[in-house]
């Protein structure tokens, strides 16, 4: 997470916000801890996918956007696996 240009505390806060936004958008009920995890892991997943197509998001806003996109992807994958 350090290469995103933000510290660990900021990553937790921004990851939590991204996870919460994804939770609201996807209409799921995860809880605060899972929102943080989804936001951080989601940012990693989204940055990985975006880097494959040549897109790079930096700074806290890029981390928030990537976290939101990635968390939505993870929620959708989780729902598909549950079914």
N, C-alpha and C. Protein backbone atom coordinates (compact mmCIF):
# COMPACT_ATOMS: atom_id res chain seq x y z
N UNK A 1 0.81 -1.20 0.00
CA UNK A 1 0.00 0.00 0.00
C UNK A 1 0.85 1.26 0.00
N UNK A 2 2.10 1.16 0.41
CA UNK A 2 2.96 2.32 0.48
C UNK A 2 3.19 2.95 -0.89
N UNK A 3 3.22 2.14 -1.97
CA UNK A 3 3.49 2.69 -3.28
C UNK A 3 2.35 3.55 -3.79
N UNK A 4 1.22 3.55 -3.12
CA UNK A 4 0.11 4.42 -3.52
C UNK A 4 0.35 5.86 -3.08
N UNK A 5 1.45 6.10 -2.34
CA UNK A 5 1.78 7.44 -1.92
C UNK A 5 1.09 7.86 -0.63
N UNK A 6 0.54 6.91 0.11
CA UNK A 6 -0.12 7.23 1.37
C UNK A 6 0.41 6.30 2.45
N UNK A 7 0.27 6.68 3.72
CA UNK A 7 0.72 5.86 4.82
C UNK A 7 -0.30 4.80 5.21
N UNK A 8 0.10 3.97 6.16
CA UNK A 8 -0.77 2.87 6.59
C UNK A 8 -2.04 3.36 7.28
N UNK A 9 -1.94 4.39 8.09
CA UNK A 9 -3.13 4.91 8.78
C UNK A 9 -4.10 5.50 7.75
N UNK A 10 -3.55 6.24 6.80
CA UNK A 10 -4.41 6.79 5.74
C UNK A 10 -5.01 5.67 4.90
N UNK A 11 -4.24 4.59 4.67
CA UNK A 11 -4.76 3.46 3.90
C UNK A 11 -5.94 2.82 4.62
N UNK A 12 -5.86 2.71 5.95
CA UNK A 12 -6.96 2.14 6.73
C UNK A 12 -8.19 3.04 6.65
N UNK A 13 -7.98 4.34 6.82
CA UNK A 13 -9.11 5.28 6.79
C UNK A 13 -9.75 5.32 5.40
N UNK A 14 -8.92 5.48 4.37
CA UNK A 14 -9.43 5.55 3.00
C UNK A 14 -10.03 4.21 2.59
N UNK A 15 -9.38 3.11 2.99
CA UNK A 15 -9.92 1.78 2.70
C UNK A 15 -11.29 1.57 3.34
N UNK A 16 -11.43 2.03 4.59
CA UNK A 16 -12.73 1.93 5.27
C UNK A 16 -13.79 2.73 4.56
N UNK A 17 -13.42 3.93 4.12
CA UNK A 17 -14.38 4.77 3.40
C UNK A 17 -14.75 4.14 2.06
N UNK A 18 -13.76 3.63 1.34
CA UNK A 18 -14.02 2.98 0.05
C UNK A 18 -14.91 1.75 0.24
N UNK A 19 -14.61 0.95 1.26
CA UNK A 19 -15.42 -0.23 1.56
C UNK A 19 -16.85 0.13 1.94
N UNK A 20 -17.00 1.21 2.72
CA UNK A 20 -18.33 1.65 3.12
C UNK A 20 -19.12 2.13 1.90
N UNK A 21 -18.47 2.90 1.02
CA UNK A 21 -19.14 3.37 -0.19
C UNK A 21 -19.57 2.19 -1.07
N UNK A 22 -18.68 1.19 -1.19
CA UNK A 22 -19.02 0.01 -1.98
C UNK A 22 -20.17 -0.76 -1.33
N UNK A 23 -20.16 -0.84 -0.01
CA UNK A 23 -21.24 -1.51 0.73
C UNK A 23 -22.58 -0.84 0.45
N UNK A 24 -22.59 0.49 0.46
CA UNK A 24 -23.82 1.23 0.18
C UNK A 24 -24.25 1.03 -1.28
N UNK A 25 -23.29 1.10 -2.20
CA UNK A 25 -23.58 0.97 -3.63
C UNK A 25 -24.09 -0.42 -3.97
N UNK A 26 -23.47 -1.44 -3.38
CA UNK A 26 -23.82 -2.83 -3.67
C UNK A 26 -24.95 -3.35 -2.77
N UNK A 27 -25.41 -2.51 -1.84
CA UNK A 27 -26.49 -2.87 -0.92
C UNK A 27 -26.19 -4.17 -0.17
N UNK A 28 -25.03 -4.17 0.47
CA UNK A 28 -24.65 -5.32 1.30
C UNK A 28 -24.49 -4.84 2.73
N UNK A 29 -24.33 -5.75 3.65
CA UNK A 29 -24.19 -5.41 5.07
C UNK A 29 -22.98 -6.16 5.61
N UNK A 30 -21.83 -5.48 5.64
CA UNK A 30 -20.58 -6.14 5.98
C UNK A 30 -20.07 -5.81 7.37
N UNK A 31 -20.19 -4.58 7.81
CA UNK A 31 -19.61 -4.15 9.08
C UNK A 31 -18.33 -3.37 8.85
N UNK A 32 -17.89 -2.64 9.87
CA UNK A 32 -16.76 -1.72 9.75
C UNK A 32 -15.47 -2.45 9.40
N UNK A 33 -15.16 -3.53 10.11
CA UNK A 33 -13.91 -4.25 9.88
C UNK A 33 -13.84 -4.79 8.45
N UNK A 34 -14.92 -5.39 7.98
CA UNK A 34 -14.94 -5.92 6.61
C UNK A 34 -14.87 -4.79 5.58
N UNK A 35 -15.47 -3.63 5.88
CA UNK A 35 -15.36 -2.48 4.97
C UNK A 35 -13.91 -2.07 4.79
N UNK A 36 -13.15 -2.03 5.89
CA UNK A 36 -11.74 -1.66 5.82
C UNK A 36 -10.98 -2.68 4.99
N UNK A 37 -11.21 -3.96 5.28
CA UNK A 37 -10.52 -5.03 4.55
C UNK A 37 -10.88 -4.97 3.06
N UNK A 38 -12.17 -4.84 2.77
CA UNK A 38 -12.61 -4.77 1.37
C UNK A 38 -12.00 -3.58 0.65
N UNK A 39 -11.94 -2.44 1.32
CA UNK A 39 -11.38 -1.24 0.70
C UNK A 39 -9.90 -1.39 0.39
N UNK A 40 -9.13 -1.92 1.35
CA UNK A 40 -7.69 -2.08 1.16
C UNK A 40 -7.39 -3.16 0.12
N UNK A 41 -8.00 -4.32 0.28
CA UNK A 41 -7.77 -5.40 -0.69
C UNK A 41 -8.34 -5.01 -2.05
N UNK A 42 -9.48 -4.34 -2.03
CA UNK A 42 -10.08 -3.88 -3.28
C UNK A 42 -9.19 -2.91 -4.03
N UNK A 43 -8.52 -2.01 -3.30
CA UNK A 43 -7.60 -1.08 -3.94
C UNK A 43 -6.44 -1.83 -4.59
N UNK A 44 -5.94 -2.84 -3.91
CA UNK A 44 -4.85 -3.65 -4.46
C UNK A 44 -5.31 -4.36 -5.74
N UNK A 45 -6.49 -5.00 -5.66
CA UNK A 45 -7.03 -5.74 -6.81
C UNK A 45 -7.29 -4.79 -7.99
N UNK A 46 -7.94 -3.67 -7.72
CA UNK A 46 -8.27 -2.73 -8.79
C UNK A 46 -7.00 -2.13 -9.41
N UNK A 47 -6.00 -1.79 -8.57
CA UNK A 47 -4.75 -1.26 -9.12
C UNK A 47 -4.04 -2.29 -9.97
N UNK A 48 -4.11 -3.56 -9.57
CA UNK A 48 -3.51 -4.64 -10.35
C UNK A 48 -4.20 -4.76 -11.71
N UNK A 49 -5.53 -4.77 -11.69
CA UNK A 49 -6.30 -4.89 -12.94
C UNK A 49 -6.06 -3.66 -13.83
N UNK A 50 -6.09 -2.47 -13.22
CA UNK A 50 -5.90 -1.25 -14.01
C UNK A 50 -4.49 -1.15 -14.58
N UNK A 51 -3.50 -1.65 -13.85
CA UNK A 51 -2.13 -1.60 -14.36
C UNK A 51 -1.96 -2.50 -15.58
N UNK A 52 -2.77 -3.56 -15.67
CA UNK A 52 -2.71 -4.45 -16.83
C UNK A 52 -3.17 -3.76 -18.11
N UNK A 53 -4.03 -2.75 -17.96
CA UNK A 53 -4.50 -2.01 -19.13
C UNK A 53 -3.82 -0.65 -19.25
N UNK A 54 -2.78 -0.43 -18.43
CA UNK A 54 -1.99 0.79 -18.55
C UNK A 54 -2.52 2.00 -17.83
N UNK A 55 -3.43 1.83 -16.88
CA UNK A 55 -3.98 2.95 -16.11
C UNK A 55 -3.36 2.93 -14.72
N UNK A 56 -2.92 4.10 -14.25
CA UNK A 56 -2.32 4.19 -12.92
C UNK A 56 -3.01 5.30 -12.13
N UNK A 57 -3.53 4.94 -10.97
CA UNK A 57 -4.17 5.91 -10.08
C UNK A 57 -3.25 6.15 -8.89
N UNK A 58 -2.97 7.41 -8.58
CA UNK A 58 -2.07 7.71 -7.48
C UNK A 58 -2.72 8.63 -6.46
N UNK A 59 -2.10 8.72 -5.30
CA UNK A 59 -2.58 9.61 -4.25
C UNK A 59 -3.82 9.06 -3.55
N UNK A 60 -4.33 9.85 -2.62
CA UNK A 60 -5.45 9.36 -1.81
C UNK A 60 -6.73 9.24 -2.62
N UNK A 61 -6.95 10.14 -3.59
CA UNK A 61 -8.17 10.05 -4.40
C UNK A 61 -8.14 8.83 -5.31
N UNK A 62 -6.99 8.56 -5.90
CA UNK A 62 -6.84 7.37 -6.72
C UNK A 62 -7.02 6.10 -5.90
N UNK A 63 -6.49 6.12 -4.67
CA UNK A 63 -6.63 4.98 -3.77
C UNK A 63 -8.10 4.76 -3.40
N UNK A 64 -8.82 5.86 -3.17
CA UNK A 64 -10.25 5.78 -2.85
C UNK A 64 -11.04 5.21 -4.02
N UNK A 65 -10.76 5.70 -5.22
CA UNK A 65 -11.47 5.21 -6.41
C UNK A 65 -11.16 3.75 -6.66
N UNK A 66 -9.87 3.40 -6.58
CA UNK A 66 -9.47 2.00 -6.79
C UNK A 66 -10.07 1.11 -5.71
N UNK A 67 -10.07 1.58 -4.47
CA UNK A 67 -10.66 0.81 -3.37
C UNK A 67 -12.14 0.56 -3.58
N UNK A 68 -12.86 1.59 -4.03
CA UNK A 68 -14.29 1.46 -4.29
C UNK A 68 -14.55 0.45 -5.40
N UNK A 69 -13.82 0.61 -6.52
CA UNK A 69 -14.00 -0.31 -7.65
C UNK A 69 -13.67 -1.74 -7.24
N UNK A 70 -12.53 -1.89 -6.58
CA UNK A 70 -12.10 -3.23 -6.17
C UNK A 70 -13.03 -3.86 -5.15
N UNK A 71 -13.52 -3.07 -4.20
CA UNK A 71 -14.44 -3.60 -3.20
C UNK A 71 -15.75 -4.05 -3.86
N UNK A 72 -16.24 -3.28 -4.83
CA UNK A 72 -17.45 -3.68 -5.56
C UNK A 72 -17.21 -5.00 -6.29
N UNK A 73 -16.03 -5.13 -6.90
CA UNK A 73 -15.69 -6.38 -7.59
C UNK A 73 -15.67 -7.54 -6.60
N UNK A 74 -15.03 -7.34 -5.45
CA UNK A 74 -14.94 -8.41 -4.44
C UNK A 74 -16.31 -8.79 -3.90
N UNK A 75 -17.19 -7.81 -3.67
CA UNK A 75 -18.55 -8.12 -3.21
C UNK A 75 -19.29 -8.93 -4.27
N UNK A 76 -19.17 -8.53 -5.54
CA UNK A 76 -19.84 -9.25 -6.63
C UNK A 76 -19.31 -10.68 -6.75
N UNK A 77 -17.99 -10.85 -6.64
CA UNK A 77 -17.40 -12.19 -6.69
C UNK A 77 -17.87 -13.03 -5.51
N UNK A 78 -17.90 -12.43 -4.34
CA UNK A 78 -18.39 -13.14 -3.15
C UNK A 78 -19.83 -13.60 -3.30
N UNK A 79 -20.66 -12.75 -3.87
CA UNK A 79 -22.06 -13.12 -4.09
C UNK A 79 -22.17 -14.26 -5.11
N UNK A 80 -21.36 -14.22 -6.16
CA UNK A 80 -21.38 -15.26 -7.19
C UNK A 80 -20.94 -16.61 -6.61
N UNK A 81 -19.95 -16.58 -5.72
CA UNK A 81 -19.46 -17.83 -5.12
C UNK A 81 -20.49 -18.40 -4.15
N UNK A 82 -21.19 -17.54 -3.41
CA UNK A 82 -22.21 -18.00 -2.47
C UNK A 82 -23.36 -18.73 -3.17
N UNK A 83 -23.66 -18.33 -4.38
CA UNK A 83 -24.80 -18.91 -5.11
C UNK A 83 -24.42 -20.19 -5.72
